[in-house]
Every structure is written in C-alpha cells, then in structure tokens.
N, C-alpha and C. Protein backbone atom coordinates (compact mmCIF):
# COMPACT_ATOMS: atom_id res chain seq x y z
N MET A 1 2.03 -10.64 -10.83
CA MET A 1 3.18 -10.74 -10.08
C MET A 1 2.87 -9.93 -8.59
N SER A 2 3.29 -10.17 -7.45
CA SER A 2 3.26 -9.79 -6.30
C SER A 2 4.54 -9.12 -5.68
N LYS A 3 4.35 -8.23 -5.00
CA LYS A 3 5.46 -7.55 -4.27
C LYS A 3 5.21 -6.84 -2.89
N ILE A 4 6.14 -6.68 -2.10
CA ILE A 4 5.86 -6.31 -0.73
C ILE A 4 6.61 -4.96 -0.71
N ILE A 5 5.95 -3.87 -0.19
CA ILE A 5 6.59 -2.67 0.05
C ILE A 5 6.66 -2.37 1.49
N ASP A 6 7.87 -2.30 2.17
CA ASP A 6 8.08 -2.10 3.49
C ASP A 6 8.17 -0.47 3.75
N ALA A 7 7.05 0.08 3.98
CA ALA A 7 7.09 1.71 4.22
C ALA A 7 6.97 1.93 5.72
N ARG A 8 7.19 0.97 6.62
CA ARG A 8 7.22 1.30 8.06
C ARG A 8 8.36 2.23 8.37
N GLY A 9 8.24 3.07 9.23
CA GLY A 9 9.17 4.10 9.62
C GLY A 9 9.09 5.37 8.83
N PHE A 10 8.37 5.38 7.66
CA PHE A 10 8.26 6.61 6.79
C PHE A 10 7.03 7.24 7.07
N SER A 11 7.09 8.50 7.35
CA SER A 11 5.80 9.27 7.44
C SER A 11 5.23 9.86 6.03
N CYS A 12 3.90 10.09 6.01
CA CYS A 12 3.20 10.37 4.80
C CYS A 12 3.93 11.78 4.35
N PRO A 13 3.98 11.87 3.02
CA PRO A 13 3.48 11.10 1.98
C PRO A 13 4.38 9.94 1.51
N GLN A 14 5.48 9.69 2.09
CA GLN A 14 6.25 8.62 1.56
C GLN A 14 5.74 7.29 1.30
N PRO A 15 4.85 6.76 2.09
CA PRO A 15 4.39 5.46 1.89
C PRO A 15 3.43 5.49 0.49
N VAL A 16 2.61 6.57 0.47
CA VAL A 16 1.72 6.70 -0.64
C VAL A 16 2.74 6.86 -1.92
N LEU A 17 3.76 7.64 -1.85
CA LEU A 17 4.55 7.73 -3.22
C LEU A 17 5.35 6.43 -3.35
N MET A 18 5.68 5.79 -2.42
CA MET A 18 6.14 4.44 -2.74
C MET A 18 5.28 3.50 -3.23
N THR A 19 4.17 3.52 -2.82
CA THR A 19 2.92 2.58 -3.46
C THR A 19 2.59 3.01 -4.90
N LEU A 20 2.49 4.25 -5.14
CA LEU A 20 2.23 4.92 -6.42
C LEU A 20 3.13 4.62 -7.52
N ASP A 21 4.42 4.85 -7.12
CA ASP A 21 5.57 4.31 -7.91
C ASP A 21 5.45 2.79 -8.42
N GLU A 22 5.14 2.00 -7.56
CA GLU A 22 5.01 0.43 -7.90
C GLU A 22 3.77 0.39 -8.72
N ILE A 23 2.72 1.01 -8.46
CA ILE A 23 1.41 0.90 -9.23
C ILE A 23 1.63 1.32 -10.51
N ARG A 24 2.39 2.41 -10.73
CA ARG A 24 2.64 3.09 -11.98
C ARG A 24 3.74 2.40 -12.79
N SER A 25 4.48 1.55 -12.31
CA SER A 25 5.47 0.80 -12.85
C SER A 25 4.90 -0.20 -13.88
N GLY A 26 3.81 -0.67 -13.73
CA GLY A 26 3.04 -1.75 -14.38
C GLY A 26 3.52 -3.00 -14.17
N GLU A 27 4.40 -3.12 -13.43
CA GLU A 27 5.16 -4.51 -13.21
C GLU A 27 4.34 -5.47 -12.18
N VAL A 28 3.61 -5.05 -11.43
CA VAL A 28 2.84 -5.89 -10.50
C VAL A 28 1.22 -5.72 -10.39
N THR A 29 0.62 -6.85 -10.13
CA THR A 29 -0.63 -6.87 -10.13
C THR A 29 -1.25 -6.90 -8.65
N GLU A 30 -0.47 -7.27 -7.79
CA GLU A 30 -0.82 -7.23 -6.41
C GLU A 30 0.24 -6.59 -5.69
N LEU A 31 -0.08 -5.80 -4.49
CA LEU A 31 0.86 -5.20 -3.60
C LEU A 31 0.53 -5.63 -2.16
N GLU A 32 1.54 -5.69 -1.29
CA GLU A 32 1.20 -5.80 0.14
C GLU A 32 2.11 -4.66 0.76
N VAL A 33 1.61 -3.50 1.24
CA VAL A 33 2.09 -2.43 1.76
C VAL A 33 2.18 -2.48 3.28
N LEU A 34 3.31 -2.56 3.81
CA LEU A 34 3.41 -2.55 5.06
C LEU A 34 3.52 -1.02 5.73
N VAL A 35 2.77 -0.64 6.65
CA VAL A 35 2.87 0.78 7.07
C VAL A 35 2.74 0.74 8.68
N ASP A 36 3.18 1.85 9.44
CA ASP A 36 2.80 1.65 10.90
C ASP A 36 2.09 2.85 11.47
N THR A 37 1.21 3.43 10.77
CA THR A 37 0.38 4.29 11.28
C THR A 37 -1.15 4.40 10.79
N ASP A 38 -2.17 4.78 11.35
CA ASP A 38 -3.36 4.78 11.03
C ASP A 38 -3.40 5.64 9.69
N THR A 39 -2.73 6.83 9.84
CA THR A 39 -2.88 7.71 8.70
C THR A 39 -2.28 7.12 7.46
N SER A 40 -1.17 6.65 7.40
CA SER A 40 -0.52 5.82 6.36
C SER A 40 -1.48 4.62 5.85
N LYS A 41 -2.05 3.95 6.60
CA LYS A 41 -3.02 2.99 6.15
C LYS A 41 -4.20 3.56 5.40
N GLU A 42 -4.73 4.63 5.72
CA GLU A 42 -5.81 5.26 5.20
C GLU A 42 -5.28 5.83 3.85
N ASN A 43 -4.24 6.66 3.86
CA ASN A 43 -3.86 7.39 2.65
C ASN A 43 -3.42 6.28 1.69
N VAL A 44 -2.78 5.30 2.09
CA VAL A 44 -2.30 4.30 0.98
C VAL A 44 -3.47 3.55 0.40
N SER A 45 -4.44 3.26 1.15
CA SER A 45 -5.61 2.76 0.61
C SER A 45 -6.33 3.66 -0.31
N ARG A 46 -6.45 4.88 0.12
CA ARG A 46 -7.22 5.85 -0.71
C ARG A 46 -6.44 6.05 -2.03
N ALA A 47 -5.17 6.14 -1.98
CA ALA A 47 -4.50 6.29 -3.18
C ALA A 47 -4.59 5.15 -4.16
N ALA A 48 -4.50 3.92 -3.67
CA ALA A 48 -4.75 2.67 -4.47
C ALA A 48 -6.16 2.70 -5.11
N VAL A 49 -7.04 3.11 -4.28
CA VAL A 49 -8.50 3.14 -4.96
C VAL A 49 -8.46 4.11 -6.18
N SER A 50 -7.79 5.19 -5.73
CA SER A 50 -7.91 6.23 -6.87
C SER A 50 -7.37 6.01 -8.27
N GLN A 51 -6.41 4.88 -8.24
CA GLN A 51 -5.68 4.24 -9.24
C GLN A 51 -6.41 3.24 -9.94
N GLY A 52 -7.56 2.88 -9.43
CA GLY A 52 -8.26 1.76 -9.86
C GLY A 52 -8.02 0.32 -9.38
N TRP A 53 -7.12 0.35 -8.33
CA TRP A 53 -7.00 -0.80 -7.54
C TRP A 53 -7.90 -1.22 -6.43
N THR A 54 -7.94 -2.32 -6.03
CA THR A 54 -8.90 -2.86 -5.06
C THR A 54 -8.31 -3.26 -3.67
N ILE A 55 -8.79 -2.79 -2.60
CA ILE A 55 -8.30 -3.21 -1.23
C ILE A 55 -8.74 -4.52 -0.98
N ILE A 56 -7.90 -5.65 -1.02
CA ILE A 56 -8.22 -6.98 -0.79
C ILE A 56 -8.47 -7.25 0.80
N LYS A 57 -7.39 -6.84 1.55
CA LYS A 57 -7.53 -6.98 2.97
C LYS A 57 -6.59 -5.95 3.71
N VAL A 58 -6.97 -5.54 4.99
CA VAL A 58 -6.03 -4.69 5.81
C VAL A 58 -5.95 -5.67 7.18
N ARG A 59 -4.79 -5.85 7.44
CA ARG A 59 -4.65 -6.66 8.79
C ARG A 59 -3.58 -5.98 9.54
N GLU A 60 -3.71 -6.19 10.91
CA GLU A 60 -2.63 -5.74 11.83
C GLU A 60 -1.49 -6.62 11.65
N GLU A 61 -0.29 -5.83 11.52
CA GLU A 61 1.05 -6.61 11.28
C GLU A 61 1.95 -6.10 12.23
N GLY A 62 2.18 -6.84 13.41
CA GLY A 62 3.28 -6.27 14.35
C GLY A 62 2.64 -4.99 14.99
N ASP A 63 3.32 -3.83 14.89
CA ASP A 63 3.00 -2.60 15.55
C ASP A 63 2.31 -1.82 14.43
N GLY A 64 1.91 -2.28 13.24
CA GLY A 64 1.46 -1.54 12.15
C GLY A 64 0.24 -2.34 11.46
N TYR A 65 0.28 -2.11 10.20
CA TYR A 65 -0.58 -2.88 9.31
C TYR A 65 0.01 -3.34 8.09
N ALA A 66 -0.80 -4.33 7.50
CA ALA A 66 -0.38 -4.69 6.05
C ALA A 66 -1.78 -4.51 5.21
N VAL A 67 -1.47 -3.74 4.16
CA VAL A 67 -2.58 -3.33 3.20
C VAL A 67 -2.33 -4.14 1.98
N VAL A 68 -3.22 -5.00 1.48
CA VAL A 68 -2.96 -5.80 0.53
C VAL A 68 -3.90 -5.28 -0.69
N ILE A 69 -3.50 -4.99 -1.70
CA ILE A 69 -4.21 -4.34 -2.85
C ILE A 69 -3.84 -5.05 -4.05
N LYS A 70 -5.10 -5.05 -4.92
CA LYS A 70 -4.91 -5.80 -6.17
C LYS A 70 -5.36 -4.90 -7.38
N LYS A 71 -4.83 -5.02 -8.52
CA LYS A 71 -5.19 -4.48 -9.67
C LYS A 71 -6.44 -4.90 -10.35
N ASP A 72 -7.49 -4.18 -10.54
CA ASP A 72 -8.73 -4.70 -11.05
C ASP A 72 -8.48 -5.16 -12.68
C-alpha cells in the first residue's frame, strides 16, 4: 500500500516524525513524503534508511521535494 505525506510548511523535526509514524504503523510499504526544505529532505531520507527503508527517488516538486521511500 502506498501513501502520500504532505509535510510542506512544517519545520524539522515534524516531517521526520510524520514519516516515522507512518513507517511504524506497519500499514504502508511505500511512502511519498512532500517537503519544502533541503534539511527536511535530508532528514526524512536519513530517518527512512535508519528504519530499513530504501530511497527510491527524490524529485523536485513545486517549491520543494518529493521523497519516495519503500520498505525493503
């Protein structure tokens, strides 16, 4: 199952916490996290990898980024 988390407008650590909540829920195997800063992009990516997830792609999305992660 896939889900989109819109964390634009939130400053760290909120995007990371939102991502980790979804990862830990066990309900999804793929997430697309929308963020609007380089810091949030890097921190969400690092948090996902630390939980055993893989970064599928990072693309520019409007004024920010979409980080697509998948459970291994």
